[in-house]
Protein backbone atom coordinates (compact mmCIF):
# COMPACT_ATOMS: atom_id res chain seq x y z
CA MET A 1 -7.00 -28.04 -1.46
CA SER A 2 -4.97 -25.71 -3.46
CA ARG A 3 -3.20 -22.91 -1.68
CA ILE A 4 -3.25 -19.34 -3.48
CA LEU A 5 -0.87 -16.85 -1.86
CA ILE A 6 -0.99 -13.13 -2.70
CA VAL A 7 1.95 -11.00 -1.39
CA GLY A 8 0.90 -7.23 -1.19
CA GLY A 9 -1.96 -5.53 0.38
CA GLY A 10 -2.43 -2.69 -2.06
CA PHE A 11 -5.27 -2.47 -4.46
CA ALA A 12 -3.70 -5.04 -6.80
CA GLY A 13 -3.22 -7.52 -4.11
CA PHE A 14 -6.65 -6.94 -2.55
CA TRP A 15 -8.36 -7.35 -5.80
CA ALA A 16 -6.27 -10.44 -6.87
CA ALA A 17 -7.30 -12.11 -3.62
CA MET A 18 -10.89 -11.35 -4.08
CA ALA A 19 -10.77 -12.63 -7.73
CA ALA A 20 -9.02 -15.77 -6.76
CA LYS A 21 -11.57 -16.60 -4.06
CA ARG A 22 -14.38 -15.81 -6.37
CA VAL A 23 -12.98 -18.09 -9.07
CA ALA A 24 -11.69 -20.88 -6.99
CA GLY A 25 -14.45 -20.84 -4.28
CA ASP A 26 -14.00 -23.57 -1.68
CA LYS A 27 -11.34 -25.43 -3.85
CA ALA A 28 -8.57 -23.17 -2.58
CA GLU A 29 -7.35 -21.54 0.38
CA VAL A 30 -6.61 -17.96 -0.46
CA SER A 31 -4.22 -15.94 1.82
CA LEU A 32 -3.04 -12.17 1.58
CA VAL A 33 0.24 -11.22 3.07
CA SER A 34 0.83 -7.59 3.78
CA ARG A 35 3.09 -5.65 6.25
CA THR A 36 -0.01 -3.87 7.65
CA PRO A 37 -3.71 -4.63 7.54
CA VAL A 38 -4.47 -1.08 6.20
CA LEU A 39 -5.17 -0.50 2.36
CA GLU A 40 -4.02 2.96 1.72
CA MET A 41 -6.02 5.23 -0.37
CA ARG A 42 -2.86 6.38 -2.01
CA PRO A 43 -4.29 8.47 -4.98
CA ARG A 44 -5.98 10.79 -2.37
CA LEU A 45 -3.10 11.11 0.18
CA TYR A 46 -2.84 14.73 -0.83
CA GLU A 47 -6.12 15.66 0.81
CA ALA A 48 -6.26 17.11 4.32
CA ASN A 49 -6.62 14.63 7.21
CA PRO A 50 -4.78 11.70 5.39
CA GLU A 51 -5.07 9.60 8.59
CA THR A 52 -8.70 8.93 7.58
CA LEU A 53 -7.72 7.50 4.07
CA GLY A 54 -7.01 3.96 5.11
CA ILE A 55 -9.31 0.86 4.99
CA ASP A 56 -8.87 -1.94 7.35
CA LEU A 57 -8.38 -5.13 5.18
CA ARG A 58 -9.25 -7.74 7.75
CA ALA A 59 -13.09 -7.38 7.64
CA PRO A 60 -13.69 -7.50 3.85
CA LEU A 61 -11.01 -10.27 3.51
CA ALA A 62 -12.68 -12.32 6.33
CA ALA A 63 -16.05 -11.83 4.91
CA ALA A 64 -14.87 -13.21 1.58
CA GLY A 65 -13.12 -16.22 3.23
CA ILE A 66 -9.73 -14.97 2.60
CA ARG A 67 -6.99 -15.31 5.30
CA PHE A 68 -4.99 -12.19 6.14
CA VAL A 69 -1.34 -12.71 7.30
CA GLU A 70 0.47 -9.72 8.68
CA GLY A 71 4.06 -9.98 7.71
CA GLU A 72 6.91 -9.03 5.25
CA ALA A 73 8.12 -11.23 2.51
CA THR A 74 11.91 -11.44 2.47
CA GLY A 75 12.41 -14.20 -0.04
CA LEU A 76 11.05 -16.75 -2.48
CA ASP A 77 11.71 -20.47 -2.71
CA LEU A 78 10.57 -21.48 -6.27
CA VAL A 79 11.52 -25.08 -5.80
CA ALA A 80 9.85 -25.75 -2.56
CA HIS A 81 6.94 -23.32 -3.38
CA LYS A 82 7.46 -21.25 -0.29
CA VAL A 83 7.38 -17.58 0.55
CA LYS A 84 9.78 -16.67 3.25
CA LEU A 85 8.34 -14.18 5.71
CA THR A 86 10.08 -12.61 8.80
CA SER A 87 7.86 -14.87 10.85
CA GLY A 88 8.39 -18.12 8.96
CA ASP A 89 7.58 -19.76 5.66
CA LEU A 90 4.20 -19.86 3.81
CA PRO A 91 3.75 -22.67 1.28
CA TYR A 92 1.65 -21.99 -2.00
CA ASP A 93 0.45 -23.64 -5.06
CA ARG A 94 -0.19 -20.51 -6.95
CA LEU A 95 1.65 -17.21 -6.09
CA VAL A 96 0.79 -13.60 -7.01
CA VAL A 97 3.47 -10.88 -6.10
CA ALA A 98 1.63 -7.54 -6.13
CA THR A 99 4.04 -5.45 -3.86
CA GLY A 100 3.54 -2.20 -5.55
CA SER A 101 6.14 0.45 -5.97
CA ALA A 102 7.96 2.97 -3.76
CA MET A 103 8.98 6.45 -4.50
CA ARG A 104 12.73 6.94 -5.37
CA ARG A 105 14.23 10.14 -4.19
CA PRO A 106 16.59 11.56 -6.79
CA PRO A 107 20.27 11.93 -5.74
CA VAL A 108 19.94 15.79 -5.50
CA PRO A 109 21.28 17.62 -2.39
CA GLY A 110 18.43 18.34 -0.11
CA ALA A 111 16.01 15.79 -1.66
CA ASP A 112 16.13 14.03 1.74
CA LEU A 113 14.44 17.01 3.34
CA ALA A 114 11.53 17.28 1.05
CA TYR A 115 8.08 16.03 1.98
CA SER A 116 6.39 13.22 0.15
CA ILE A 117 2.84 11.86 -0.03
CA ASP A 118 3.92 8.38 -1.21
CA THR A 119 2.62 6.72 1.92
CA GLN A 120 -0.09 7.54 4.40
CA ALA A 121 2.69 8.18 7.04
CA ASP A 122 4.34 10.66 4.59
CA ALA A 123 0.98 12.51 4.01
CA ILE A 124 0.39 12.77 7.58
CA ARG A 125 3.84 14.43 8.31
CA LEU A 126 3.13 16.90 5.34
CA ASP A 127 -0.42 17.59 6.79
CA ARG A 128 1.10 18.35 10.28
CA ARG A 129 3.76 20.64 8.63
CA LEU A 130 1.23 22.44 6.79
CA ALA A 131 -0.82 22.97 9.91
CA GLU A 132 2.19 24.81 11.50
CA GLY A 133 2.04 27.37 8.61
CA VAL A 134 4.22 27.66 5.73
CA GLU A 135 5.08 30.72 3.49
CA SER A 136 5.87 28.90 0.17
CA ILE A 137 5.53 25.56 -1.23
CA ALA A 138 7.01 23.90 -4.39
CA VAL A 139 5.34 20.81 -5.87
CA VAL A 140 7.70 18.57 -7.82
CA GLY A 141 5.93 16.50 -10.43
CA ALA A 142 3.13 17.35 -12.73
CA GLY A 143 1.47 14.07 -12.95
CA PHE A 144 -2.15 13.62 -11.76
CA THR A 145 -1.16 13.68 -8.12
CA GLY A 146 1.25 16.63 -8.52
CA ILE A 147 -1.40 18.74 -10.14
CA GLU A 148 -4.00 17.81 -7.66
CA LEU A 149 -1.69 18.36 -4.72
CA ALA A 150 -0.85 21.88 -6.12
CA LEU A 151 -4.51 22.80 -6.31
CA GLU A 152 -5.37 21.41 -2.77
CA LEU A 153 -2.31 23.14 -1.35
CA ARG A 154 -3.12 26.50 -3.04
CA ASP A 155 -6.61 26.38 -1.25
CA ARG A 156 -5.30 25.34 2.05
CA VAL A 157 -2.49 27.77 2.55
CA ARG A 158 -4.39 30.91 1.53
């Protein structure tokens, strides 16, 4: 039986695992490795109550016949076809690396003090700070998330 391993529990990793299982069926064991079993609804983390914006991956993966492995990939052995995890090695025949991205703070004094909504934990910290009351807010970034965040905050701090 072929072993398909997906590293990354975001949208890309989740859907890669689902597609692999749909295509391979019983001819392959499909496993997904992620640090946590929670898929963060990252595009919506600017909303109030961000702690509600996570989906437990375990039930839909199990229903599809996909094995969930909680862990962090630390290396890759291309010759032996193994992904090194903090808890040991996982062999694979086919590998998908879908580890996503992480926000990079600019090397500007004070940037480390700014709030972020890059992760669910970051969004929860911002939400709690807003609940304490703030007099002014600056949103840095005018992409979709920045504009939506500015509009959401405008309505919440009035």
